Amino acid sequence: MGEYTTHEYFYLPESSETETAGKPLFDAAFEATDSVLHGQFQAHIADDTLTEAESNKVHSNLGASGTVVLTLPQSVTAGVKYYFVVMAAFAFRIDPGAAGAIYINGAKQTDNMYISSSTINDSVMVVSAGTGDWCVLLKSGTWTVET
């Protein structure tokens, strides 16, 4: 079961009740994340504590001249998500804050321990569990965990 060529497309079921019904899955996925992919970009050149209002944006360290630490909010609704991409070759750290931990690399990390990358184009998406903890859903590149 399941050998496919690069020319085959996978479609959502026609019976789906969404506006993406019958479209290739790749197109449907891009439409679903359209708000993230178009115009919601925030560059950080200094440390910052994010708010729930800053969710669903792409956050980067574009223009930074040194390490940037972004601290995730401590009390947010489950499902709140943030996207991060390294755009300057300096440490870009994502800190869950004193009351939270990040689930990455198959395990819950220690509370208040950040993840970090300094490789341009590395990216990560974190989603709130609603408990102060954060789950990494998407990751590219190598994100190290503070020890």
N, C-alpha and C. Protein backbone atom coordinates (compact mmCIF):
# COMPACT_ATOMS: atom_id res chain seq x y z
N MET A 1 0.83 -1.17 0.00
CA MET A 1 0.00 0.00 0.00
C MET A 1 0.88 1.24 0.00
N GLY A 2 0.59 2.17 -0.80
CA GLY A 2 1.08 3.50 -0.66
C GLY A 2 2.37 3.92 -1.30
N GLU A 3 2.71 3.52 -2.50
CA GLU A 3 3.81 4.16 -3.19
C GLU A 3 3.21 5.21 -4.11
N TYR A 4 3.75 6.43 -4.01
CA TYR A 4 3.21 7.53 -4.80
C TYR A 4 4.34 8.24 -5.52
N THR A 5 4.02 8.81 -6.65
CA THR A 5 5.02 9.60 -7.35
C THR A 5 4.90 11.05 -6.90
N THR A 6 5.86 11.85 -7.27
CA THR A 6 5.81 13.26 -6.89
C THR A 6 4.75 14.01 -7.67
N HIS A 7 4.12 13.38 -8.65
CA HIS A 7 3.12 14.07 -9.47
C HIS A 7 1.71 13.80 -9.01
N GLU A 8 1.52 12.96 -8.00
CA GLU A 8 0.19 12.67 -7.53
C GLU A 8 -0.22 13.68 -6.48
N TYR A 9 -1.51 13.98 -6.43
CA TYR A 9 -2.05 14.91 -5.45
C TYR A 9 -3.02 14.18 -4.55
N PHE A 10 -3.12 14.63 -3.33
CA PHE A 10 -4.07 14.08 -2.38
C PHE A 10 -5.11 15.15 -2.13
N TYR A 11 -6.37 14.76 -2.19
CA TYR A 11 -7.46 15.71 -2.08
C TYR A 11 -8.26 15.49 -0.82
N LEU A 12 -8.82 16.60 -0.30
CA LEU A 12 -9.78 16.49 0.78
C LEU A 12 -11.06 15.88 0.21
N PRO A 13 -11.83 15.17 1.01
CA PRO A 13 -13.07 14.58 0.51
C PRO A 13 -14.02 15.65 0.00
N GLU A 14 -14.70 15.36 -1.09
CA GLU A 14 -15.68 16.30 -1.65
C GLU A 14 -16.79 16.59 -0.66
N SER A 15 -17.09 15.66 0.21
CA SER A 15 -18.20 15.82 1.14
C SER A 15 -17.86 16.72 2.32
N SER A 16 -16.61 17.15 2.39
CA SER A 16 -16.20 18.01 3.50
C SER A 16 -16.99 19.31 3.47
N GLU A 17 -17.35 19.81 4.64
CA GLU A 17 -18.18 21.00 4.74
C GLU A 17 -17.37 22.29 4.80
N THR A 18 -16.14 22.25 4.29
CA THR A 18 -15.31 23.45 4.37
C THR A 18 -15.12 24.05 2.98
N GLU A 19 -14.60 25.26 2.97
CA GLU A 19 -14.34 25.92 1.69
C GLU A 19 -13.19 25.30 0.93
N THR A 20 -12.42 24.42 1.58
CA THR A 20 -11.29 23.79 0.91
C THR A 20 -11.64 22.42 0.33
N ALA A 21 -12.92 22.03 0.38
CA ALA A 21 -13.32 20.71 -0.10
C ALA A 21 -12.93 20.51 -1.56
N GLY A 22 -12.39 19.36 -1.86
CA GLY A 22 -12.03 19.01 -3.22
C GLY A 22 -10.75 19.63 -3.71
N LYS A 23 -10.03 20.35 -2.87
CA LYS A 23 -8.78 20.99 -3.25
C LYS A 23 -7.62 20.08 -2.84
N PRO A 24 -6.48 20.18 -3.53
CA PRO A 24 -5.32 19.40 -3.09
C PRO A 24 -5.00 19.72 -1.63
N LEU A 25 -4.56 18.71 -0.89
CA LEU A 25 -4.26 18.91 0.53
C LEU A 25 -3.24 20.01 0.76
N PHE A 26 -2.25 20.10 -0.12
CA PHE A 26 -1.25 21.14 0.07
C PHE A 26 -1.89 22.52 -0.03
N ASP A 27 -2.76 22.73 -1.02
CA ASP A 27 -3.45 24.01 -1.14
C ASP A 27 -4.34 24.26 0.07
N ALA A 28 -5.04 23.21 0.52
CA ALA A 28 -5.92 23.35 1.68
C ALA A 28 -5.12 23.72 2.92
N ALA A 29 -3.96 23.12 3.10
CA ALA A 29 -3.12 23.43 4.27
C ALA A 29 -2.66 24.87 4.22
N PHE A 30 -2.28 25.36 3.02
CA PHE A 30 -1.85 26.75 2.92
C PHE A 30 -3.00 27.70 3.18
N GLU A 31 -4.21 27.37 2.72
CA GLU A 31 -5.35 28.23 3.02
C GLU A 31 -5.63 28.26 4.50
N ALA A 32 -5.49 27.12 5.18
CA ALA A 32 -5.75 27.05 6.61
C ALA A 32 -4.78 27.90 7.40
N THR A 33 -3.56 28.07 6.90
CA THR A 33 -2.56 28.88 7.61
C THR A 33 -2.34 30.22 6.93
N ASP A 34 -3.28 30.63 6.10
CA ASP A 34 -3.13 31.86 5.33
C ASP A 34 -2.83 33.07 6.21
N SER A 35 -3.47 33.16 7.38
CA SER A 35 -3.24 34.32 8.23
C SER A 35 -1.81 34.36 8.74
N VAL A 36 -1.18 33.21 8.90
CA VAL A 36 0.20 33.16 9.36
C VAL A 36 1.15 33.47 8.22
N LEU A 37 0.82 33.02 7.02
CA LEU A 37 1.73 33.15 5.90
C LEU A 37 1.70 34.53 5.24
N HIS A 38 0.69 35.31 5.51
CA HIS A 38 0.56 36.60 4.83
C HIS A 38 0.46 37.75 5.81
N GLY A 39 1.56 38.48 5.97
CA GLY A 39 1.51 39.76 6.64
C GLY A 39 1.61 39.78 8.15
N GLN A 40 1.68 38.65 8.81
CA GLN A 40 1.76 38.68 10.26
C GLN A 40 3.14 38.22 10.70
N PHE A 41 4.08 39.13 10.57
CA PHE A 41 5.49 38.85 10.84
C PHE A 41 5.99 39.87 11.85
N GLN A 42 6.73 39.40 12.84
CA GLN A 42 7.26 40.31 13.85
C GLN A 42 8.72 39.99 14.10
N ALA A 43 9.59 40.96 13.84
CA ALA A 43 11.02 40.81 14.09
C ALA A 43 11.34 41.33 15.48
N HIS A 44 12.17 40.60 16.20
CA HIS A 44 12.58 40.98 17.56
C HIS A 44 14.09 41.16 17.58
N ILE A 45 14.54 42.34 17.99
CA ILE A 45 15.98 42.58 18.09
C ILE A 45 16.43 42.64 19.54
N ALA A 46 15.47 42.49 20.45
CA ALA A 46 15.77 42.49 21.89
C ALA A 46 14.84 41.50 22.58
N ASP A 47 15.17 41.13 23.81
CA ASP A 47 14.33 40.20 24.57
C ASP A 47 12.92 40.75 24.71
N ASP A 48 11.95 39.84 24.80
CA ASP A 48 10.55 40.25 24.87
C ASP A 48 9.73 39.14 25.53
N THR A 49 8.68 39.51 26.21
CA THR A 49 7.70 38.55 26.71
C THR A 49 6.48 38.66 25.80
N LEU A 50 6.12 37.57 25.17
CA LEU A 50 5.01 37.57 24.23
C LEU A 50 3.67 37.61 24.95
N THR A 51 2.66 38.11 24.25
CA THR A 51 1.30 38.12 24.77
C THR A 51 0.43 37.24 23.89
N GLU A 52 -0.74 36.91 24.38
CA GLU A 52 -1.65 36.10 23.58
C GLU A 52 -2.03 36.82 22.29
N ALA A 53 -2.07 38.15 22.32
CA ALA A 53 -2.40 38.93 21.13
C ALA A 53 -1.34 38.77 20.03
N GLU A 54 -0.14 38.34 20.39
CA GLU A 54 0.93 38.16 19.41
C GLU A 54 0.98 36.73 18.86
N SER A 55 0.00 35.92 19.20
CA SER A 55 -0.02 34.55 18.69
C SER A 55 -0.39 34.54 17.22
N ASN A 56 -0.16 33.41 16.58
CA ASN A 56 -0.44 33.21 15.15
C ASN A 56 0.38 34.12 14.24
N LYS A 57 1.47 34.62 14.73
CA LYS A 57 2.41 35.40 13.93
C LYS A 57 3.69 34.61 13.77
N VAL A 58 4.47 34.97 12.77
CA VAL A 58 5.82 34.44 12.65
C VAL A 58 6.74 35.42 13.36
N HIS A 59 7.46 34.93 14.35
CA HIS A 59 8.40 35.75 15.13
C HIS A 59 9.81 35.36 14.72
N SER A 60 10.66 36.36 14.52
CA SER A 60 12.04 36.08 14.12
C SER A 60 12.99 36.98 14.88
N ASN A 61 14.27 36.71 14.69
CA ASN A 61 15.31 37.58 15.26
C ASN A 61 15.96 38.42 14.15
N LEU A 62 15.24 38.64 13.08
CA LEU A 62 15.74 39.44 11.96
C LEU A 62 16.21 40.80 12.46
N GLY A 63 17.45 41.16 12.14
CA GLY A 63 18.01 42.44 12.54
C GLY A 63 18.72 42.42 13.88
N ALA A 64 18.68 41.30 14.57
CA ALA A 64 19.34 41.22 15.88
C ALA A 64 20.85 41.24 15.72
N SER A 65 21.52 41.78 16.72
CA SER A 65 22.99 41.80 16.70
C SER A 65 23.55 40.98 17.86
N GLY A 66 22.72 40.15 18.45
CA GLY A 66 23.12 39.29 19.55
C GLY A 66 21.98 38.37 19.91
N THR A 67 22.12 37.68 21.02
CA THR A 67 21.10 36.74 21.49
C THR A 67 19.78 37.45 21.76
N VAL A 68 18.67 36.81 21.34
CA VAL A 68 17.33 37.31 21.63
C VAL A 68 16.58 36.19 22.35
N VAL A 69 15.95 36.53 23.48
CA VAL A 69 15.15 35.59 24.25
C VAL A 69 13.70 36.04 24.21
N LEU A 70 12.84 35.18 23.71
CA LEU A 70 11.40 35.44 23.74
C LEU A 70 10.79 34.53 24.80
N THR A 71 10.11 35.14 25.76
CA THR A 71 9.47 34.37 26.82
C THR A 71 8.00 34.21 26.48
N LEU A 72 7.55 32.96 26.54
CA LEU A 72 6.15 32.65 26.25
C LEU A 72 5.28 33.07 27.43
N PRO A 73 4.04 33.46 27.17
CA PRO A 73 3.16 33.87 28.27
C PRO A 73 2.85 32.69 29.20
N GLN A 74 2.65 32.98 30.46
CA GLN A 74 2.42 31.94 31.47
C GLN A 74 0.98 31.44 31.49
N SER A 75 0.02 32.31 31.25
CA SER A 75 -1.39 31.93 31.33
C SER A 75 -2.11 32.29 30.04
N VAL A 76 -2.24 31.30 29.16
CA VAL A 76 -2.97 31.51 27.91
C VAL A 76 -3.90 30.32 27.69
N THR A 77 -4.82 30.50 26.80
CA THR A 77 -5.77 29.47 26.42
C THR A 77 -5.05 28.31 25.75
N ALA A 78 -5.51 27.11 26.01
CA ALA A 78 -4.97 25.94 25.29
C ALA A 78 -5.18 26.14 23.80
N GLY A 79 -4.17 25.79 23.01
CA GLY A 79 -4.27 25.91 21.56
C GLY A 79 -3.63 27.17 20.99
N VAL A 80 -3.27 28.12 21.84
CA VAL A 80 -2.58 29.33 21.36
C VAL A 80 -1.23 28.89 20.79
N LYS A 81 -0.87 29.42 19.62
CA LYS A 81 0.37 28.97 18.98
C LYS A 81 1.22 30.13 18.51
N TYR A 82 2.52 29.86 18.49
CA TYR A 82 3.51 30.82 18.02
C TYR A 82 4.45 30.11 17.06
N TYR A 83 4.87 30.83 16.03
CA TYR A 83 5.82 30.32 15.04
C TYR A 83 7.10 31.13 15.15
N PHE A 84 8.24 30.46 15.11
CA PHE A 84 9.52 31.14 15.25
C PHE A 84 10.46 30.70 14.13
N VAL A 85 11.23 31.64 13.60
CA VAL A 85 12.22 31.31 12.58
C VAL A 85 13.48 32.14 12.83
N VAL A 86 14.62 31.48 12.74
CA VAL A 86 15.91 32.15 12.93
C VAL A 86 16.28 32.84 11.62
N MET A 87 16.49 34.16 11.69
CA MET A 87 16.84 34.91 10.50
C MET A 87 18.12 35.72 10.67
N ALA A 88 18.75 35.62 11.83
CA ALA A 88 20.06 36.22 12.08
C ALA A 88 20.88 35.15 12.80
N ALA A 89 22.13 35.05 12.48
CA ALA A 89 22.99 33.96 12.99
C ALA A 89 23.44 34.20 14.43
N PHE A 90 22.46 34.46 15.29
CA PHE A 90 22.69 34.61 16.73
C PHE A 90 21.69 33.72 17.45
N ALA A 91 21.99 33.37 18.69
CA ALA A 91 21.09 32.51 19.45
C ALA A 91 19.70 33.14 19.54
N PHE A 92 18.69 32.35 19.17
CA PHE A 92 17.29 32.74 19.26
C PHE A 92 16.66 31.75 20.24
N ARG A 93 16.33 32.24 21.42
CA ARG A 93 15.87 31.38 22.50
C ARG A 93 14.38 31.55 22.74
N ILE A 94 13.70 30.43 22.92
CA ILE A 94 12.27 30.42 23.24
C ILE A 94 12.17 29.87 24.67
N ASP A 95 11.73 30.72 25.59
CA ASP A 95 11.70 30.40 27.01
C ASP A 95 10.25 30.20 27.46
N PRO A 96 9.93 29.04 28.10
CA PRO A 96 8.56 28.81 28.54
C PRO A 96 8.18 29.56 29.81
N GLY A 97 9.14 30.22 30.44
CA GLY A 97 8.86 30.93 31.68
C GLY A 97 8.98 30.02 32.89
N ALA A 98 8.98 30.63 34.06
CA ALA A 98 9.24 29.90 35.31
C ALA A 98 8.23 28.80 35.60
N ALA A 99 6.99 28.97 35.16
CA ALA A 99 5.95 27.99 35.49
C ALA A 99 5.66 27.01 34.37
N GLY A 100 6.49 26.99 33.33
CA GLY A 100 6.18 26.13 32.19
C GLY A 100 7.37 25.37 31.68
N ALA A 101 7.07 24.38 30.85
CA ALA A 101 8.10 23.57 30.21
C ALA A 101 7.73 23.39 28.75
N ILE A 102 8.71 23.00 27.95
CA ILE A 102 8.49 22.74 26.53
C ILE A 102 8.64 21.24 26.29
N TYR A 103 7.66 20.65 25.63
CA TYR A 103 7.73 19.26 25.20
C TYR A 103 8.41 19.24 23.84
N ILE A 104 9.60 18.67 23.76
CA ILE A 104 10.37 18.60 22.52
C ILE A 104 11.29 17.38 22.60
N ASN A 105 11.65 16.85 21.46
CA ASN A 105 12.55 15.69 21.39
C ASN A 105 12.03 14.50 22.18
N GLY A 106 10.71 14.32 22.17
CA GLY A 106 10.11 13.14 22.79
C GLY A 106 9.96 13.20 24.29
N ALA A 107 10.13 14.36 24.91
CA ALA A 107 10.02 14.43 26.37
C ALA A 107 9.66 15.84 26.83
N LYS A 108 9.08 15.90 28.03
CA LYS A 108 8.86 17.19 28.68
C LYS A 108 10.20 17.63 29.26
N GLN A 109 10.59 18.84 28.93
CA GLN A 109 11.85 19.37 29.44
C GLN A 109 11.61 19.98 30.83
N THR A 110 12.66 20.34 31.49
CA THR A 110 12.58 20.95 32.82
C THR A 110 11.91 22.32 32.72
N ASP A 111 11.07 22.64 33.72
CA ASP A 111 10.44 23.96 33.76
C ASP A 111 11.50 25.06 33.65
N ASN A 112 11.13 26.12 32.96
CA ASN A 112 11.95 27.32 32.81
C ASN A 112 13.25 27.09 32.04
N MET A 113 13.31 26.04 31.21
CA MET A 113 14.48 25.79 30.37
C MET A 113 14.11 26.10 28.91
N TYR A 114 14.88 26.97 28.29
CA TYR A 114 14.59 27.41 26.93
C TYR A 114 15.06 26.41 25.88
N ILE A 115 14.53 26.58 24.65
CA ILE A 115 15.09 25.90 23.47
C ILE A 115 15.77 26.99 22.65
N SER A 116 16.76 26.60 21.86
CA SER A 116 17.57 27.61 21.18
C SER A 116 18.12 27.09 19.86
N SER A 117 18.24 28.02 18.90
CA SER A 117 18.94 27.75 17.64
C SER A 117 19.58 29.04 17.17
N SER A 118 20.70 28.91 16.47
CA SER A 118 21.34 30.08 15.86
C SER A 118 21.59 29.83 14.37
N THR A 119 20.95 28.81 13.82
CA THR A 119 21.12 28.47 12.41
C THR A 119 20.01 29.10 11.59
N ILE A 120 20.39 29.97 10.66
CA ILE A 120 19.40 30.66 9.84
C ILE A 120 18.49 29.65 9.15
N ASN A 121 17.20 29.93 9.21
CA ASN A 121 16.10 29.17 8.63
C ASN A 121 15.60 28.04 9.52
N ASP A 122 16.23 27.77 10.66
CA ASP A 122 15.63 26.83 11.60
C ASP A 122 14.31 27.43 12.07
N SER A 123 13.30 26.58 12.25
CA SER A 123 12.00 27.09 12.67
C SER A 123 11.33 26.11 13.62
N VAL A 124 10.38 26.63 14.38
CA VAL A 124 9.65 25.81 15.34
C VAL A 124 8.28 26.44 15.57
N MET A 125 7.27 25.60 15.79
CA MET A 125 5.94 26.06 16.16
C MET A 125 5.61 25.44 17.51
N VAL A 126 5.20 26.26 18.47
CA VAL A 126 4.81 25.76 19.78
C VAL A 126 3.34 26.07 20.02
N VAL A 127 2.67 25.15 20.73
CA VAL A 127 1.25 25.28 21.03
C VAL A 127 1.05 25.14 22.54
N SER A 128 0.23 26.01 23.10
CA SER A 128 -0.04 25.98 24.53
C SER A 128 -0.91 24.80 24.91
N ALA A 129 -0.54 24.14 26.01
CA ALA A 129 -1.37 23.07 26.57
C ALA A 129 -2.40 23.66 27.54
N GLY A 130 -2.33 24.97 27.78
CA GLY A 130 -3.25 25.62 28.70
C GLY A 130 -2.87 25.46 30.15
N THR A 131 -1.71 24.90 30.41
CA THR A 131 -1.24 24.63 31.78
C THR A 131 0.06 25.36 32.09
N GLY A 132 0.52 26.20 31.19
CA GLY A 132 1.84 26.81 31.31
C GLY A 132 2.88 26.07 30.49
N ASP A 133 2.55 24.83 30.07
CA ASP A 133 3.46 24.03 29.25
C ASP A 133 3.18 24.26 27.77
N TRP A 134 4.19 23.96 26.95
CA TRP A 134 4.12 24.18 25.51
C TRP A 134 4.58 22.93 24.78
N CYS A 135 3.89 22.58 23.70
CA CYS A 135 4.23 21.41 22.88
C CYS A 135 4.78 21.88 21.54
N VAL A 136 5.90 21.31 21.13
CA VAL A 136 6.44 21.59 19.80
C VAL A 136 5.71 20.70 18.81
N LEU A 137 4.99 21.30 17.87
CA LEU A 137 4.27 20.53 16.86
C LEU A 137 5.05 20.40 15.56
N LEU A 138 5.74 21.46 15.18
CA LEU A 138 6.53 21.47 13.95
C LEU A 138 7.92 21.99 14.28
N LYS A 139 8.91 21.37 13.67
CA LYS A 139 10.29 21.80 13.93
C LYS A 139 11.13 21.50 12.70
N SER A 140 11.97 22.46 12.32
CA SER A 140 12.98 22.18 11.30
C SER A 140 14.32 22.64 11.85
N GLY A 141 15.35 21.91 11.51
CA GLY A 141 16.67 22.24 12.03
C GLY A 141 16.88 21.62 13.40
N THR A 142 17.93 22.10 14.07
CA THR A 142 18.30 21.55 15.37
C THR A 142 18.07 22.60 16.45
N TRP A 143 17.13 22.31 17.32
CA TRP A 143 16.85 23.18 18.46
C TRP A 143 17.40 22.49 19.71
N THR A 144 18.32 23.14 20.37
CA THR A 144 18.91 22.54 21.57
C THR A 144 18.11 22.98 22.80
N VAL A 145 18.23 22.18 23.85
CA VAL A 145 17.52 22.44 25.10
C VAL A 145 18.53 22.90 26.14
N GLU A 146 18.19 23.96 26.85
CA GLU A 146 19.06 24.46 27.92
C GLU A 146 19.30 23.36 28.95
N THR A 147 20.51 23.26 29.41
CA THR A 147 20.83 22.26 30.45
C THR A 147 21.32 22.91 31.70
